[in-house]
C-alpha atoms as a PDB file:
ATOM      1  CA  UNK A   1     -19.179-163.395 129.240  1.00  0.00           C
ATOM      2  CA  UNK A   2     -19.103-160.131 127.216  1.00  0.00           C
ATOM      3  CA  UNK A   3     -22.233-158.826 130.048  1.00  0.00           C
ATOM      4  CA  UNK A   4     -20.294-159.656 132.837  1.00  0.00           C
ATOM      5  CA  UNK A   5     -17.590-157.720 131.351  1.00  0.00           C
ATOM      6  CA  UNK A   6     -20.242-154.819 130.534  1.00  0.00           C
ATOM      7  CA  UNK A   7     -21.265-154.984 134.546  1.00  0.00           C
ATOM      8  CA  UNK A   8     -17.614-154.694 135.594  1.00  0.00           C
ATOM      9  CA  UNK A   9     -17.501-151.926 133.613  1.00  0.00           C
ATOM     10  CA  UNK A  10     -20.728-150.405 134.645  1.00  0.00           C
ATOM     11  CA  UNK A  11     -20.232-150.552 138.014  1.00  0.00           C
ATOM     12  CA  UNK A  12     -16.894-148.880 138.289  1.00  0.00           C
ATOM     13  CA  UNK A  13     -18.480-145.422 136.631  1.00  0.00           C
ATOM     14  CA  UNK A  14     -20.023-142.630 138.993  1.00  0.00           C
ATOM     15  CA  UNK A  15     -23.844-142.017 138.342  1.00  0.00           C
ATOM     16  CA  UNK A  16     -23.725-139.288 135.935  1.00  0.00           C
ATOM     17  CA  UNK A  17     -21.989-141.287 133.343  1.00  0.00           C
ATOM     18  CA  UNK A  18     -24.801-144.228 134.450  1.00  0.00           C
ATOM     19  CA  UNK A  19     -27.397-141.813 132.581  1.00  0.00           C
ATOM     20  CA  UNK A  20     -25.200-141.413 129.377  1.00  0.00           C
ATOM     21  CA  UNK A  21     -25.095-145.024 129.186  1.00  0.00           C
ATOM     22  CA  UNK A  22     -28.764-145.340 129.793  1.00  0.00           C
ATOM     23  CA  UNK A  23     -29.157-142.753 127.102  1.00  0.00           C
ATOM     24  CA  UNK A  24     -26.914-144.503 124.701  1.00  0.00           C
ATOM     25  CA  UNK A  25     -28.334-148.126 125.095  1.00  0.00           C
ATOM     26  CA  UNK A  26     -31.970-146.793 124.184  1.00  0.00           C
ATOM     27  CA  UNK A  27     -31.100-144.771 121.189  1.00  0.00           C
ATOM     28  CA  UNK A  28     -29.172-148.169 119.921  1.00  0.00           C
ATOM     29  CA  UNK A  29     -32.206-149.671 120.822  1.00  0.00           C
ATOM     30  CA  UNK A  30     -33.938-147.684 119.022  1.00  0.00           C
ATOM     31  CA  UNK A  31     -32.123-147.640 115.948  1.00  0.00           C
ATOM     32  CA  UNK A  32     -31.535-151.674 115.574  1.00  0.00           C
ATOM     33  CA  UNK A  33     -36.082-151.010 115.324  1.00  0.00           C
ATOM     34  CA  UNK A  34     -35.218-148.168 113.262  1.00  0.00           C
ATOM     35  CA  UNK A  35     -32.984-150.560 110.700  1.00  0.00           C
ATOM     36  CA  UNK A  36     -34.818-153.319 111.117  1.00  0.00           C
ATOM     37  CA  UNK A  37     -38.493-151.575 109.463  1.00  0.00           C
ATOM     38  CA  UNK A  38     -36.531-150.845 106.331  1.00  0.00           C
ATOM     39  CA  UNK A  39     -35.204-154.203 106.249  1.00  0.00           C
ATOM     40  CA  UNK A  40     -38.845-155.346 106.112  1.00  0.00           C
ATOM     41  CA  UNK A  41     -40.019-152.670 103.842  1.00  0.00           C
ATOM     42  CA  UNK A  42     -37.160-153.727 101.610  1.00  0.00           C
ATOM     43  CA  UNK A  43     -38.223-157.261 101.359  1.00  0.00           C
ATOM     44  CA  UNK A  44     -41.614-156.854 101.126  1.00  0.00           C
ATOM     45  CA  UNK A  45     -40.998-153.909  98.327  1.00  0.00           C
ATOM     46  CA  UNK A  46     -39.892-156.805  95.992  1.00  0.00           C
ATOM     47  CA  UNK A  47     -42.725-159.239  96.292  1.00  0.00           C
ATOM     48  CA  UNK A  48     -44.917-156.842  96.521  1.00  0.00           C
ATOM     49  CA  UNK A  49     -43.776-155.227  92.982  1.00  0.00           C
ATOM     50  CA  UNK A  50     -45.697-157.408  91.286  1.00  0.00           C
ATOM     51  CA  UNK A  51     -48.554-156.673  92.204  1.00  0.00           C
ATOM     52  CA  UNK A  52     -47.880-152.788  91.689  1.00  0.00           C
ATOM     53  CA  UNK A  53     -46.210-152.592  88.706  1.00  0.00           C
ATOM     54  CA  UNK A  54     -49.041-153.910  86.489  1.00  0.00           C
ATOM     55  CA  UNK A  55     -51.562-152.234  83.819  1.00  0.00           C
ATOM     56  CA  UNK A  56     -55.126-152.715  85.962  1.00  0.00           C
ATOM     57  CA  UNK A  57     -53.303-151.330  88.580  1.00  0.00           C
ATOM     58  CA  UNK A  58     -51.974-148.346  87.180  1.00  0.00           C
ATOM     59  CA  UNK A  59     -55.469-148.082  85.115  1.00  0.00           C
ATOM     60  CA  UNK A  60     -56.952-147.859  89.278  1.00  0.00           C
ATOM     61  CA  UNK A  61     -55.103-145.260  90.461  1.00  0.00           C
ATOM     62  CA  UNK A  62     -54.980-143.105  86.770  1.00  0.00           C
ATOM     63  CA  UNK A  63     -57.501-140.742  87.850  1.00  0.00           C
ATOM     64  CA  UNK A  64     -56.270-139.869  91.489  1.00  0.00           C
END
C-alpha cells in the first residue's frame, strides 16, 4: 500500500524532481548501511572486550 502511494506521487513529479528523489533515496540507503555497521561494531565490542581487556593483551601491546 505504501509503495503504491509513493509510486503514484512519483508519477506526478516532473523529471528534475525525480533526480532529487533518487539522490535522497540513495542517501537514505547509505545512511542505513552506516547505521547497521555502527550497530554491529558496538555489539561486537562488548563480546570482544573480554579478550581485549586482559593483562595478557596489555603485555602483548606494551612495546608498540
